[in-house]
mmCIF file of all heavy atoms, coordinates in Angstrom:
data_MODEL
# 
_entry.id   MODEL 
# 
loop_
_atom_site.group_PDB 
_atom_site.id 
_atom_site.type_symbol 
_atom_site.label_atom_id 
_atom_site.label_alt_id 
_atom_site.label_comp_id 
_atom_site.label_asym_id 
_atom_site.label_entity_id 
_atom_site.label_seq_id 
_atom_site.pdbx_PDB_ins_code 
_atom_site.Cartn_x 
_atom_site.Cartn_y 
_atom_site.Cartn_z 
_atom_site.occupancy 
_atom_site.B_iso_or_equiv 
_atom_site.pdbx_formal_charge 
_atom_site.auth_seq_id 
_atom_site.auth_comp_id 
_atom_site.auth_asym_id 
_atom_site.auth_atom_id 
_atom_site.pdbx_PDB_model_num 
ATOM 1   N N   . TYR A 1 1  ? 75.767 106.653 106.001 1.00 0.00 ? 1  TYR A N   1 
ATOM 2   C CA  . TYR A 1 1  ? 76.284 105.276 105.913 1.00 0.00 ? 1  TYR A CA  1 
ATOM 3   C C   . TYR A 1 1  ? 77.685 105.201 106.542 1.00 0.00 ? 1  TYR A C   1 
ATOM 4   O O   . TYR A 1 1  ? 77.985 104.354 107.369 1.00 0.00 ? 1  TYR A O   1 
ATOM 5   C CB  . TYR A 1 1  ? 76.356 104.837 104.455 1.00 0.00 ? 1  TYR A CB  1 
ATOM 6   C CG  . TYR A 1 1  ? 76.918 103.434 104.267 1.00 0.00 ? 1  TYR A CG  1 
ATOM 7   C CD1 . TYR A 1 1  ? 76.067 102.360 104.257 1.00 0.00 ? 1  TYR A CD1 1 
ATOM 8   C CD2 . TYR A 1 1  ? 78.283 103.272 104.121 1.00 0.00 ? 1  TYR A CD2 1 
ATOM 9   C CE1 . TYR A 1 1  ? 76.584 101.049 104.147 1.00 0.00 ? 1  TYR A CE1 1 
ATOM 10  C CE2 . TYR A 1 1  ? 78.817 101.949 104.013 1.00 0.00 ? 1  TYR A CE2 1 
ATOM 11  C CZ  . TYR A 1 1  ? 77.953 100.875 104.007 1.00 0.00 ? 1  TYR A CZ  1 
ATOM 12  O OH  . TYR A 1 1  ? 78.495 99.596  103.882 1.00 0.00 ? 1  TYR A OH  1 
ATOM 13  N N   . LEU A 1 2  ? 78.556 106.106 106.134 1.00 0.00 ? 2  LEU A N   1 
ATOM 14  C CA  . LEU A 1 2  ? 79.967 106.052 106.599 1.00 0.00 ? 2  LEU A CA  1 
ATOM 15  C C   . LEU A 1 2  ? 80.028 106.294 108.119 1.00 0.00 ? 2  LEU A C   1 
ATOM 16  O O   . LEU A 1 2  ? 80.835 105.622 108.800 1.00 0.00 ? 2  LEU A O   1 
ATOM 17  C CB  . LEU A 1 2  ? 80.807 107.160 105.888 1.00 0.00 ? 2  LEU A CB  1 
ATOM 18  C CG  . LEU A 1 2  ? 80.986 106.927 104.405 1.00 0.00 ? 2  LEU A CG  1 
ATOM 19  C CD1 . LEU A 1 2  ? 81.688 108.146 103.763 1.00 0.00 ? 2  LEU A CD1 1 
ATOM 20  C CD2 . LEU A 1 2  ? 81.771 105.664 104.105 1.00 0.00 ? 2  LEU A CD2 1 
ATOM 21  N N   . ARG A 1 3  ? 79.240 107.179 108.629 1.00 0.00 ? 3  ARG A N   1 
ATOM 22  C CA  . ARG A 1 3  ? 79.328 107.502 110.047 1.00 0.00 ? 3  ARG A CA  1 
ATOM 23  C C   . ARG A 1 3  ? 78.579 106.475 110.929 1.00 0.00 ? 3  ARG A C   1 
ATOM 24  O O   . ARG A 1 3  ? 78.537 106.573 112.130 1.00 0.00 ? 3  ARG A O   1 
ATOM 25  C CB  . ARG A 1 3  ? 78.761 108.908 110.312 1.00 0.00 ? 3  ARG A CB  1 
ATOM 26  C CG  . ARG A 1 3  ? 79.716 109.946 109.759 1.00 0.00 ? 3  ARG A CG  1 
ATOM 27  C CD  . ARG A 1 3  ? 79.373 111.332 110.133 1.00 0.00 ? 3  ARG A CD  1 
ATOM 28  N NE  . ARG A 1 3  ? 80.364 112.275 109.733 1.00 0.00 ? 3  ARG A NE  1 
ATOM 29  C CZ  . ARG A 1 3  ? 80.262 113.093 108.694 1.00 0.00 ? 3  ARG A CZ  1 
ATOM 30  N NH1 . ARG A 1 3  ? 79.163 113.092 107.967 1.00 0.00 ? 3  ARG A NH1 1 
ATOM 31  N NH2 . ARG A 1 3  ? 81.250 113.891 108.375 1.00 0.00 ? 3  ARG A NH2 1 
ATOM 32  N N   . ASN A 1 4  ? 77.934 105.481 110.281 1.00 0.00 ? 4  ASN A N   1 
ATOM 33  C CA  . ASN A 1 4  ? 77.342 104.399 110.970 1.00 0.00 ? 4  ASN A CA  1 
ATOM 34  C C   . ASN A 1 4  ? 78.016 103.019 110.735 1.00 0.00 ? 4  ASN A C   1 
ATOM 35  O O   . ASN A 1 4  ? 77.627 102.070 111.379 1.00 0.00 ? 4  ASN A O   1 
ATOM 36  C CB  . ASN A 1 4  ? 75.826 104.311 110.636 1.00 0.00 ? 4  ASN A CB  1 
ATOM 37  C CG  . ASN A 1 4  ? 75.043 105.358 111.315 1.00 0.00 ? 4  ASN A CG  1 
ATOM 38  O OD1 . ASN A 1 4  ? 74.688 105.176 112.456 1.00 0.00 ? 4  ASN A OD1 1 
ATOM 39  N ND2 . ASN A 1 4  ? 74.731 106.422 110.625 1.00 0.00 ? 4  ASN A ND2 1 
ATOM 40  N N   . ASP A 1 5  ? 78.953 102.997 109.854 1.00 0.00 ? 5  ASP A N   1 
ATOM 41  C CA  . ASP A 1 5  ? 79.676 101.739 109.610 1.00 0.00 ? 5  ASP A CA  1 
ATOM 42  C C   . ASP A 1 5  ? 80.492 101.389 110.824 1.00 0.00 ? 5  ASP A C   1 
ATOM 43  O O   . ASP A 1 5  ? 81.359 102.166 111.220 1.00 0.00 ? 5  ASP A O   1 
ATOM 44  C CB  . ASP A 1 5  ? 80.596 101.880 108.335 1.00 0.00 ? 5  ASP A CB  1 
ATOM 45  C CG  . ASP A 1 5  ? 81.235 100.585 107.995 1.00 0.00 ? 5  ASP A CG  1 
ATOM 46  O OD1 . ASP A 1 5  ? 82.231 100.190 108.706 1.00 0.00 ? 5  ASP A OD1 1 
ATOM 47  O OD2 . ASP A 1 5  ? 80.761 99.905  107.075 1.00 0.00 ? 5  ASP A OD2 1 
ATOM 48  N N   . PRO A 1 6  ? 80.279 100.253 111.423 1.00 0.00 ? 6  PRO A N   1 
ATOM 49  C CA  . PRO A 1 6  ? 80.950 99.873  112.672 1.00 0.00 ? 6  PRO A CA  1 
ATOM 50  C C   . PRO A 1 6  ? 82.465 99.861  112.574 1.00 0.00 ? 6  PRO A C   1 
ATOM 51  O O   . PRO A 1 6  ? 83.167 100.166 113.518 1.00 0.00 ? 6  PRO A O   1 
ATOM 52  C CB  . PRO A 1 6  ? 80.384 98.538  113.063 1.00 0.00 ? 6  PRO A CB  1 
ATOM 53  C CG  . PRO A 1 6  ? 79.719 98.038  111.847 1.00 0.00 ? 6  PRO A CG  1 
ATOM 54  C CD  . PRO A 1 6  ? 79.369 99.164  111.013 1.00 0.00 ? 6  PRO A CD  1 
ATOM 55  N N   . ASP A 1 7  ? 83.038 99.520  111.397 1.00 0.00 ? 7  ASP A N   1 
ATOM 56  C CA  . ASP A 1 7  ? 84.457 99.412  111.203 1.00 0.00 ? 7  ASP A CA  1 
ATOM 57  C C   . ASP A 1 7  ? 85.138 100.780 110.850 1.00 0.00 ? 7  ASP A C   1 
ATOM 58  O O   . ASP A 1 7  ? 86.313 100.852 111.008 1.00 0.00 ? 7  ASP A O   1 
ATOM 59  C CB  . ASP A 1 7  ? 84.795 98.382  110.163 1.00 0.00 ? 7  ASP A CB  1 
ATOM 60  C CG  . ASP A 1 7  ? 84.351 97.008  110.529 1.00 0.00 ? 7  ASP A CG  1 
ATOM 61  O OD1 . ASP A 1 7  ? 84.401 96.680  111.783 1.00 0.00 ? 7  ASP A OD1 1 
ATOM 62  O OD2 . ASP A 1 7  ? 83.946 96.236  109.643 1.00 0.00 ? 7  ASP A OD2 1 
ATOM 63  N N   . TRP A 1 8  ? 84.367 101.747 110.396 1.00 0.00 ? 8  TRP A N   1 
ATOM 64  C CA  . TRP A 1 8  ? 84.931 102.975 109.881 1.00 0.00 ? 8  TRP A CA  1 
ATOM 65  C C   . TRP A 1 8  ? 84.472 104.207 110.553 1.00 0.00 ? 8  TRP A C   1 
ATOM 66  O O   . TRP A 1 8  ? 85.088 105.282 110.409 1.00 0.00 ? 8  TRP A O   1 
ATOM 67  C CB  . TRP A 1 8  ? 84.627 103.076 108.391 1.00 0.00 ? 8  TRP A CB  1 
ATOM 68  C CG  . TRP A 1 8  ? 85.434 102.103 107.568 1.00 0.00 ? 8  TRP A CG  1 
ATOM 69  C CD1 . TRP A 1 8  ? 85.070 100.801 107.243 1.00 0.00 ? 8  TRP A CD1 1 
ATOM 70  C CD2 . TRP A 1 8  ? 86.718 102.278 106.968 1.00 0.00 ? 8  TRP A CD2 1 
ATOM 71  N NE1 . TRP A 1 8  ? 86.020 100.226 106.470 1.00 0.00 ? 8  TRP A NE1 1 
ATOM 72  C CE2 . TRP A 1 8  ? 87.045 101.079 106.288 1.00 0.00 ? 8  TRP A CE2 1 
ATOM 73  C CE3 . TRP A 1 8  ? 87.608 103.323 106.982 1.00 0.00 ? 8  TRP A CE3 1 
ATOM 74  C CZ2 . TRP A 1 8  ? 88.274 100.954 105.635 1.00 0.00 ? 8  TRP A CZ2 1 
ATOM 75  C CZ3 . TRP A 1 8  ? 88.825 103.161 106.333 1.00 0.00 ? 8  TRP A CZ3 1 
ATOM 76  C CH2 . TRP A 1 8  ? 89.098 101.994 105.634 1.00 0.00 ? 8  TRP A CH2 1 
ATOM 77  N N   . LYS A 1 9  ? 83.364 104.193 111.292 1.00 0.00 ? 9  LYS A N   1 
ATOM 78  C CA  . LYS A 1 9  ? 82.712 105.419 111.790 1.00 0.00 ? 9  LYS A CA  1 
ATOM 79  C C   . LYS A 1 9  ? 83.660 106.284 112.639 1.00 0.00 ? 9  LYS A C   1 
ATOM 80  O O   . LYS A 1 9  ? 83.572 107.506 112.584 1.00 0.00 ? 9  LYS A O   1 
ATOM 81  C CB  . LYS A 1 9  ? 81.420 105.120 112.540 1.00 0.00 ? 9  LYS A CB  1 
ATOM 82  C CG  . LYS A 1 9  ? 81.640 104.354 113.825 1.00 0.00 ? 9  LYS A CG  1 
ATOM 83  C CD  . LYS A 1 9  ? 80.311 104.037 114.494 1.00 0.00 ? 9  LYS A CD  1 
ATOM 84  C CE  . LYS A 1 9  ? 80.471 103.286 115.787 1.00 0.00 ? 9  LYS A CE  1 
ATOM 85  N NZ  . LYS A 1 9  ? 79.186 103.016 116.380 1.00 0.00 ? 9  LYS A NZ  1 
ATOM 86  N N   . ASP A 1 10 ? 84.619 105.685 113.391 1.00 0.00 ? 10 ASP A N   1 
ATOM 87  C CA  . ASP A 1 10 ? 85.504 106.459 114.208 1.00 0.00 ? 10 ASP A CA  1 
ATOM 88  C C   . ASP A 1 10 ? 86.648 107.083 113.414 1.00 0.00 ? 10 ASP A C   1 
ATOM 89  O O   . ASP A 1 10 ? 87.410 107.876 113.932 1.00 0.00 ? 10 ASP A O   1 
ATOM 90  C CB  . ASP A 1 10 ? 86.053 105.588 115.316 1.00 0.00 ? 10 ASP A CB  1 
ATOM 91  C CG  . ASP A 1 10 ? 84.973 105.198 116.314 1.00 0.00 ? 10 ASP A CG  1 
ATOM 92  O OD1 . ASP A 1 10 ? 84.009 105.911 116.466 1.00 0.00 ? 10 ASP A OD1 1 
ATOM 93  O OD2 . ASP A 1 10 ? 85.115 104.096 116.935 1.00 0.00 ? 10 ASP A OD2 1 
ATOM 94  N N   . GLU A 1 11 ? 86.790 106.713 112.153 1.00 0.00 ? 11 GLU A N   1 
ATOM 95  C CA  . GLU A 1 11 ? 87.806 107.230 111.292 1.00 0.00 ? 11 GLU A CA  1 
ATOM 96  C C   . GLU A 1 11 ? 87.343 108.372 110.401 1.00 0.00 ? 11 GLU A C   1 
ATOM 97  O O   . GLU A 1 11 ? 88.153 109.141 109.868 1.00 0.00 ? 11 GLU A O   1 
ATOM 98  C CB  . GLU A 1 11 ? 88.361 106.119 110.389 1.00 0.00 ? 11 GLU A CB  1 
ATOM 99  C CG  . GLU A 1 11 ? 88.876 104.880 111.153 1.00 0.00 ? 11 GLU A CG  1 
ATOM 100 C CD  . GLU A 1 11 ? 89.848 105.161 112.222 1.00 0.00 ? 11 GLU A CD  1 
ATOM 101 O OE1 . GLU A 1 11 ? 90.845 105.891 111.936 1.00 0.00 ? 11 GLU A OE1 1 
ATOM 102 O OE2 . GLU A 1 11 ? 89.650 104.670 113.330 1.00 0.00 ? 11 GLU A OE2 1 
ATOM 103 N N   . VAL A 1 12 ? 86.055 108.477 110.255 1.00 0.00 ? 12 VAL A N   1 
ATOM 104 C CA  . VAL A 1 12 ? 85.448 109.449 109.276 1.00 0.00 ? 12 VAL A CA  1 
ATOM 105 C C   . VAL A 1 12 ? 85.524 110.884 109.915 1.00 0.00 ? 12 VAL A C   1 
ATOM 106 O O   . VAL A 1 12 ? 84.999 111.124 110.992 1.00 0.00 ? 12 VAL A O   1 
ATOM 107 C CB  . VAL A 1 12 ? 84.029 109.133 108.888 1.00 0.00 ? 12 VAL A CB  1 
ATOM 108 C CG1 . VAL A 1 12 ? 83.407 110.218 107.999 1.00 0.00 ? 12 VAL A CG1 1 
ATOM 109 C CG2 . VAL A 1 12 ? 83.993 107.764 108.215 1.00 0.00 ? 12 VAL A CG2 1 
ATOM 110 N N   . VAL A 1 13 ? 86.130 111.796 109.180 1.00 0.00 ? 13 VAL A N   1 
ATOM 111 C CA  . VAL A 1 13 ? 86.172 113.169 109.599 1.00 0.00 ? 13 VAL A CA  1 
ATOM 112 C C   . VAL A 1 13 ? 85.176 113.965 108.750 1.00 0.00 ? 13 VAL A C   1 
ATOM 113 O O   . VAL A 1 13 ? 84.431 114.836 109.271 1.00 0.00 ? 13 VAL A O   1 
ATOM 114 C CB  . VAL A 1 13 ? 87.589 113.818 109.420 1.00 0.00 ? 13 VAL A CB  1 
ATOM 115 C CG1 . VAL A 1 13 ? 87.631 115.304 109.687 1.00 0.00 ? 13 VAL A CG1 1 
ATOM 116 C CG2 . VAL A 1 13 ? 88.601 113.044 110.297 1.00 0.00 ? 13 VAL A CG2 1 
ATOM 117 N N   . TYR A 1 14 ? 85.118 113.685 107.446 1.00 0.00 ? 14 TYR A N   1 
ATOM 118 C CA  . TYR A 1 14 ? 84.237 114.505 106.574 1.00 0.00 ? 14 TYR A CA  1 
ATOM 119 C C   . TYR A 1 14 ? 83.928 113.707 105.309 1.00 0.00 ? 14 TYR A C   1 
ATOM 120 O O   . TYR A 1 14 ? 84.762 112.994 104.788 1.00 0.00 ? 14 TYR A O   1 
ATOM 121 C CB  . TYR A 1 14 ? 84.979 115.784 106.204 1.00 0.00 ? 14 TYR A CB  1 
ATOM 122 C CG  . TYR A 1 14 ? 84.286 116.617 105.188 1.00 0.00 ? 14 TYR A CG  1 
ATOM 123 C CD1 . TYR A 1 14 ? 83.255 117.471 105.521 1.00 0.00 ? 14 TYR A CD1 1 
ATOM 124 C CD2 . TYR A 1 14 ? 84.720 116.633 103.845 1.00 0.00 ? 14 TYR A CD2 1 
ATOM 125 C CE1 . TYR A 1 14 ? 82.597 118.248 104.589 1.00 0.00 ? 14 TYR A CE1 1 
ATOM 126 C CE2 . TYR A 1 14 ? 84.113 117.427 102.897 1.00 0.00 ? 14 TYR A CE2 1 
ATOM 127 C CZ  . TYR A 1 14 ? 83.016 118.215 103.275 1.00 0.00 ? 14 TYR A CZ  1 
ATOM 128 O OH  . TYR A 1 14 ? 82.412 119.032 102.333 1.00 0.00 ? 14 TYR A OH  1 
ATOM 129 N N   . TRP A 1 15 ? 82.671 113.909 104.773 1.00 0.00 ? 15 TRP A N   1 
ATOM 130 C CA  . TRP A 1 15 ? 82.260 113.446 103.479 1.00 0.00 ? 15 TRP A CA  1 
ATOM 131 C C   . TRP A 1 15 ? 81.501 114.598 102.886 1.00 0.00 ? 15 TRP A C   1 
ATOM 132 O O   . TRP A 1 15 ? 80.495 115.060 103.461 1.00 0.00 ? 15 TRP A O   1 
ATOM 133 C CB  . TRP A 1 15 ? 81.354 112.200 103.610 1.00 0.00 ? 15 TRP A CB  1 
ATOM 134 C CG  . TRP A 1 15 ? 80.680 111.867 102.340 1.00 0.00 ? 15 TRP A CG  1 
ATOM 135 C CD1 . TRP A 1 15 ? 79.412 112.170 101.916 1.00 0.00 ? 15 TRP A CD1 1 
ATOM 136 C CD2 . TRP A 1 15 ? 81.284 111.066 101.237 1.00 0.00 ? 15 TRP A CD2 1 
ATOM 137 N NE1 . TRP A 1 15 ? 79.176 111.689 100.702 1.00 0.00 ? 15 TRP A NE1 1 
ATOM 138 C CE2 . TRP A 1 15 ? 80.272 110.996 100.270 1.00 0.00 ? 15 TRP A CE2 1 
ATOM 139 C CE3 . TRP A 1 15 ? 82.482 110.448 101.035 1.00 0.00 ? 15 TRP A CE3 1 
ATOM 140 C CZ2 . TRP A 1 15 ? 80.486 110.304 99.055  1.00 0.00 ? 15 TRP A CZ2 1 
ATOM 141 C CZ3 . TRP A 1 15 ? 82.668 109.769 99.864  1.00 0.00 ? 15 TRP A CZ3 1 
ATOM 142 C CH2 . TRP A 1 15 ? 81.686 109.703 98.884  1.00 0.00 ? 15 TRP A CH2 1 
ATOM 143 N N   . GLY A 1 16 ? 81.879 115.075 101.725 1.00 0.00 ? 16 GLY A N   1 
ATOM 144 C CA  . GLY A 1 16 ? 81.127 116.135 101.101 1.00 0.00 ? 16 GLY A CA  1 
ATOM 145 C C   . GLY A 1 16 ? 81.446 116.292 99.617  1.00 0.00 ? 16 GLY A C   1 
ATOM 146 O O   . GLY A 1 16 ? 82.439 115.753 99.107  1.00 0.00 ? 16 GLY A O   1 
ATOM 147 N N   . PRO A 1 17 ? 80.614 116.999 98.891  1.00 0.00 ? 17 PRO A N   1 
ATOM 148 C CA  . PRO A 1 17 ? 80.725 117.121 97.461  1.00 0.00 ? 17 PRO A CA  1 
ATOM 149 C C   . PRO A 1 17 ? 81.789 118.090 96.996  1.00 0.00 ? 17 PRO A C   1 
ATOM 150 O O   . PRO A 1 17 ? 82.161 119.066 97.713  1.00 0.00 ? 17 PRO A O   1 
ATOM 151 C CB  . PRO A 1 17 ? 79.345 117.671 97.024  1.00 0.00 ? 17 PRO A CB  1 
ATOM 152 C CG  . PRO A 1 17 ? 78.873 118.454 98.218  1.00 0.00 ? 17 PRO A CG  1 
ATOM 153 C CD  . PRO A 1 17 ? 79.406 117.735 99.379  1.00 0.00 ? 17 PRO A CD  1 
ATOM 154 N N   . MET A 1 18 ? 82.355 117.839 95.841  1.00 0.00 ? 18 MET A N   1 
ATOM 155 C CA  . MET A 1 18 ? 83.291 118.758 95.203  1.00 0.00 ? 18 MET A CA  1 
ATOM 156 C C   . MET A 1 18 ? 82.464 119.889 94.558  1.00 0.00 ? 18 MET A C   1 
ATOM 157 O O   . MET A 1 18 ? 81.358 119.637 94.061  1.00 0.00 ? 18 MET A O   1 
ATOM 158 C CB  . MET A 1 18 ? 84.069 118.067 94.079  1.00 0.00 ? 18 MET A CB  1 
ATOM 159 C CG  . MET A 1 18 ? 84.978 116.984 94.577  1.00 0.00 ? 18 MET A CG  1 
ATOM 160 S SD  . MET A 1 18 ? 85.760 116.203 93.141  1.00 0.00 ? 18 MET A SD  1 
ATOM 161 C CE  . MET A 1 18 ? 86.872 115.101 94.022  1.00 0.00 ? 18 MET A CE  1 
ATOM 162 N N   . GLY A 1 19 ? 83.018 121.074 94.525  1.00 0.00 ? 19 GLY A N   1 
ATOM 163 C CA  . GLY A 1 19 ? 82.336 122.150 93.924  1.00 0.00 ? 19 GLY A CA  1 
ATOM 164 C C   . GLY A 1 19 ? 82.072 122.016 92.437  1.00 0.00 ? 19 GLY A C   1 
ATOM 165 O O   . GLY A 1 19 ? 81.112 122.493 91.924  1.00 0.00 ? 19 GLY A O   1 
ATOM 166 N N   . CYS A 1 20 ? 82.912 121.237 91.766  1.00 0.00 ? 20 CYS A N   1 
ATOM 167 C CA  . CYS A 1 20 ? 82.785 120.964 90.322  1.00 0.00 ? 20 CYS A CA  1 
ATOM 168 C C   . CYS A 1 20 ? 81.681 119.905 90.006  1.00 0.00 ? 20 CYS A C   1 
ATOM 169 O O   . CYS A 1 20 ? 81.351 119.659 88.861  1.00 0.00 ? 20 CYS A O   1 
ATOM 170 C CB  . CYS A 1 20 ? 84.096 120.535 89.719  1.00 0.00 ? 20 CYS A CB  1 
ATOM 171 S SG  . CYS A 1 20 ? 84.734 118.989 90.331  1.00 0.00 ? 20 CYS A SG  1 
ATOM 172 N N   . LEU A 1 21 ? 81.147 119.313 91.056  1.00 0.00 ? 21 LEU A N   1 
ATOM 173 C CA  . LEU A 1 21 ? 80.062 118.336 90.922  1.00 0.00 ? 21 LEU A CA  1 
ATOM 174 C C   . LEU A 1 21 ? 80.476 117.055 90.179  1.00 0.00 ? 21 LEU A C   1 
ATOM 175 O O   . LEU A 1 21 ? 79.627 116.406 89.489  1.00 0.00 ? 21 LEU A O   1 
ATOM 176 C CB  . LEU A 1 21 ? 78.807 118.950 90.348  1.00 0.00 ? 21 LEU A CB  1 
ATOM 177 C CG  . LEU A 1 21 ? 78.232 120.107 91.103  1.00 0.00 ? 21 LEU A CG  1 
ATOM 178 C CD1 . LEU A 1 21 ? 77.045 120.701 90.380  1.00 0.00 ? 21 LEU A CD1 1 
ATOM 179 C CD2 . LEU A 1 21 ? 77.784 119.672 92.480  1.00 0.00 ? 21 LEU A CD2 1 
ATOM 180 N N   . THR A 1 22 ? 81.755 116.698 90.244  1.00 0.00 ? 22 THR A N   1 
ATOM 181 C CA  . THR A 1 22 ? 82.209 115.456 89.568  1.00 0.00 ? 22 THR A CA  1 
ATOM 182 C C   . THR A 1 22 ? 82.554 114.383 90.604  1.00 0.00 ? 22 THR A C   1 
ATOM 183 O O   . THR A 1 22 ? 82.891 113.256 90.187  1.00 0.00 ? 22 THR A O   1 
ATOM 184 C CB  . THR A 1 22 ? 83.415 115.703 88.675  1.00 0.00 ? 22 THR A CB  1 
ATOM 185 O OG1 . THR A 1 22 ? 84.517 116.159 89.507  1.00 0.00 ? 22 THR A OG1 1 
ATOM 186 C CG2 . THR A 1 22 ? 83.107 116.648 87.553  1.00 0.00 ? 22 THR A CG2 1 
ATOM 187 N N   . GLY A 1 23 ? 82.430 114.682 91.904  1.00 0.00 ? 23 GLY A N   1 
ATOM 188 C CA  . GLY A 1 23 ? 82.777 113.678 92.913  1.00 0.00 ? 23 GLY A CA  1 
ATOM 189 C C   . GLY A 1 23 ? 82.663 114.264 94.293  1.00 0.00 ? 23 GLY A C   1 
ATOM 190 O O   . GLY A 1 23 ? 82.053 115.283 94.523  1.00 0.00 ? 23 GLY A O   1 
ATOM 191 N N   . PHE A 1 24 ? 83.270 113.558 95.235  1.00 0.00 ? 24 PHE A N   1 
ATOM 192 C CA  . PHE A 1 24 ? 83.205 113.860 96.647  1.00 0.00 ? 24 PHE A CA  1 
ATOM 193 C C   . PHE A 1 24 ? 84.639 113.855 97.270  1.00 0.00 ? 24 PHE A C   1 
ATOM 194 O O   . PHE A 1 24 ? 85.531 113.184 96.729  1.00 0.00 ? 24 PHE A O   1 
ATOM 195 C CB  . PHE A 1 24 ? 82.389 112.813 97.398  1.00 0.00 ? 24 PHE A CB  1 
ATOM 196 C CG  . PHE A 1 24 ? 80.920 112.879 97.006  1.00 0.00 ? 24 PHE A CG  1 
ATOM 197 C CD1 . PHE A 1 24 ? 80.450 112.152 95.938  1.00 0.00 ? 24 PHE A CD1 1 
ATOM 198 C CD2 . PHE A 1 24 ? 80.022 113.657 97.757  1.00 0.00 ? 24 PHE A CD2 1 
ATOM 199 C CE1 . PHE A 1 24 ? 79.104 112.203 95.590  1.00 0.00 ? 24 PHE A CE1 1 
ATOM 200 C CE2 . PHE A 1 24 ? 78.704 113.662 97.392  1.00 0.00 ? 24 PHE A CE2 1 
ATOM 201 C CZ  . PHE A 1 24 ? 78.230 112.979 96.337  1.00 0.00 ? 24 PHE A CZ  1 
ATOM 202 N N   . TYR A 1 25 ? 84.738 114.519 98.371  1.00 0.00 ? 25 TYR A N   1 
ATOM 203 C CA  . TYR A 1 25 ? 85.927 114.361 99.199  1.00 0.00 ? 25 TYR A CA  1 
ATOM 204 C C   . TYR A 1 25 ? 85.561 113.567 100.465 1.00 0.00 ? 25 TYR A C   1 
ATOM 205 O O   . TYR A 1 25 ? 84.550 113.802 101.081 1.00 0.00 ? 25 TYR A O   1 
ATOM 206 C CB  . TYR A 1 25 ? 86.508 115.750 99.641  1.00 0.00 ? 25 TYR A CB  1 
ATOM 207 C CG  . TYR A 1 25 ? 87.137 116.479 98.516  1.00 0.00 ? 25 TYR A CG  1 
ATOM 208 C CD1 . TYR A 1 25 ? 86.603 117.652 98.030  1.00 0.00 ? 25 TYR A CD1 1 
ATOM 209 C CD2 . TYR A 1 25 ? 88.321 116.019 97.919  1.00 0.00 ? 25 TYR A CD2 1 
ATOM 210 C CE1 . TYR A 1 25 ? 87.203 118.354 96.966  1.00 0.00 ? 25 TYR A CE1 1 
ATOM 211 C CE2 . TYR A 1 25 ? 88.941 116.688 96.889  1.00 0.00 ? 25 TYR A CE2 1 
ATOM 212 C CZ  . TYR A 1 25 ? 88.370 117.835 96.411  1.00 0.00 ? 25 TYR A CZ  1 
ATOM 213 O OH  . TYR A 1 25 ? 89.002 118.479 95.397  1.00 0.00 ? 25 TYR A OH  1 
ATOM 214 N N   . LEU A 1 26 ? 86.463 112.656 100.800 1.00 0.00 ? 26 LEU A N   1 
ATOM 215 C CA  . LEU A 1 26 ? 86.356 111.857 102.031 1.00 0.00 ? 26 LEU A CA  1 
ATOM 216 C C   . LEU A 1 26 ? 87.594 112.144 102.806 1.00 0.00 ? 26 LEU A C   1 
ATOM 217 O O   . LEU A 1 26 ? 88.730 111.942 102.292 1.00 0.00 ? 26 LEU A O   1 
ATOM 218 C CB  . LEU A 1 26 ? 86.204 110.383 101.719 1.00 0.00 ? 26 LEU A CB  1 
ATOM 219 C CG  . LEU A 1 26 ? 86.257 109.417 102.907 1.00 0.00 ? 26 LEU A CG  1 
ATOM 220 C CD1 . LEU A 1 26 ? 85.132 109.689 103.875 1.00 0.00 ? 26 LEU A CD1 1 
ATOM 221 C CD2 . LEU A 1 26 ? 86.220 107.987 102.410 1.00 0.00 ? 26 LEU A CD2 1 
ATOM 222 N N   . ILE A 1 27 ? 87.457 112.616 104.026 1.00 0.00 ? 27 ILE A N   1 
ATOM 223 C CA  . ILE A 1 27 ? 88.615 112.782 104.924 1.00 0.00 ? 27 ILE A CA  1 
ATOM 224 C C   . ILE A 1 27 ? 88.530 111.779 106.038 1.00 0.00 ? 27 ILE A C   1 
ATOM 225 O O   . ILE A 1 27 ? 87.549 111.687 106.767 1.00 0.00 ? 27 ILE A O   1 
ATOM 226 C CB  . ILE A 1 27 ? 88.676 114.237 105.463 1.00 0.00 ? 27 ILE A CB  1 
ATOM 227 C CG1 . ILE A 1 27 ? 88.678 115.284 104.311 1.00 0.00 ? 27 ILE A CG1 1 
ATOM 228 C CG2 . ILE A 1 27 ? 89.861 114.427 106.385 1.00 0.00 ? 27 ILE A CG2 1 
ATOM 229 C CD1 . ILE A 1 27 ? 88.577 116.700 104.721 1.00 0.00 ? 27 ILE A CD1 1 
ATOM 230 N N   . LEU A 1 28 ? 89.607 111.043 106.209 1.00 0.00 ? 28 LEU A N   1 
ATOM 231 C CA  . LEU A 1 28 ? 89.721 110.005 107.225 1.00 0.00 ? 28 LEU A CA  1 
ATOM 232 C C   . LEU A 1 28 ? 90.931 110.239 108.099 1.00 0.00 ? 28 LEU A C   1 
ATOM 233 O O   . LEU A 1 28 ? 91.968 110.765 107.661 1.00 0.00 ? 28 LEU A O   1 
ATOM 234 C CB  . LEU A 1 28 ? 89.870 108.611 106.565 1.00 0.00 ? 28 LEU A CB  1 
ATOM 235 C CG  . LEU A 1 28 ? 88.744 108.117 105.716 1.00 0.00 ? 28 LEU A CG  1 
ATOM 236 C CD1 . LEU A 1 28 ? 89.127 106.793 105.071 1.00 0.00 ? 28 LEU A CD1 1 
ATOM 237 C CD2 . LEU A 1 28 ? 87.458 107.967 106.498 1.00 0.00 ? 28 LEU A CD2 1 
ATOM 238 N N   . LYS A 1 29 ? 90.856 109.789 109.369 1.00 0.00 ? 29 LYS A N   1 
ATOM 239 C CA  . LYS A 1 29 ? 91.980 109.747 110.199 1.00 0.00 ? 29 LYS A CA  1 
ATOM 240 C C   . LYS A 1 29 ? 92.929 108.694 109.639 1.00 0.00 ? 29 LYS A C   1 
ATOM 241 O O   . LYS A 1 29 ? 92.506 107.705 109.084 1.00 0.00 ? 29 LYS A O   1 
ATOM 242 C CB  . LYS A 1 29 ? 91.564 109.344 111.640 1.00 0.00 ? 29 LYS A CB  1 
ATOM 243 C CG  . LYS A 1 29 ? 90.676 110.391 112.278 1.00 0.00 ? 29 LYS A CG  1 
ATOM 244 C CD  . LYS A 1 29 ? 90.237 109.876 113.648 1.00 0.00 ? 29 LYS A CD  1 
ATOM 245 C CE  . LYS A 1 29 ? 89.195 110.801 114.253 1.00 0.00 ? 29 LYS A CE  1 
ATOM 246 N NZ  . LYS A 1 29 ? 88.600 110.208 115.469 1.00 0.00 ? 29 LYS A NZ  1 
# 
């Protein structure tokens, strides 16, 4: 979804789970 969003896709560096399984990390430019 994030890498296809027309307003955000060029800003997304990474989306992935936390090792503790309580959430995610999102890295943006």
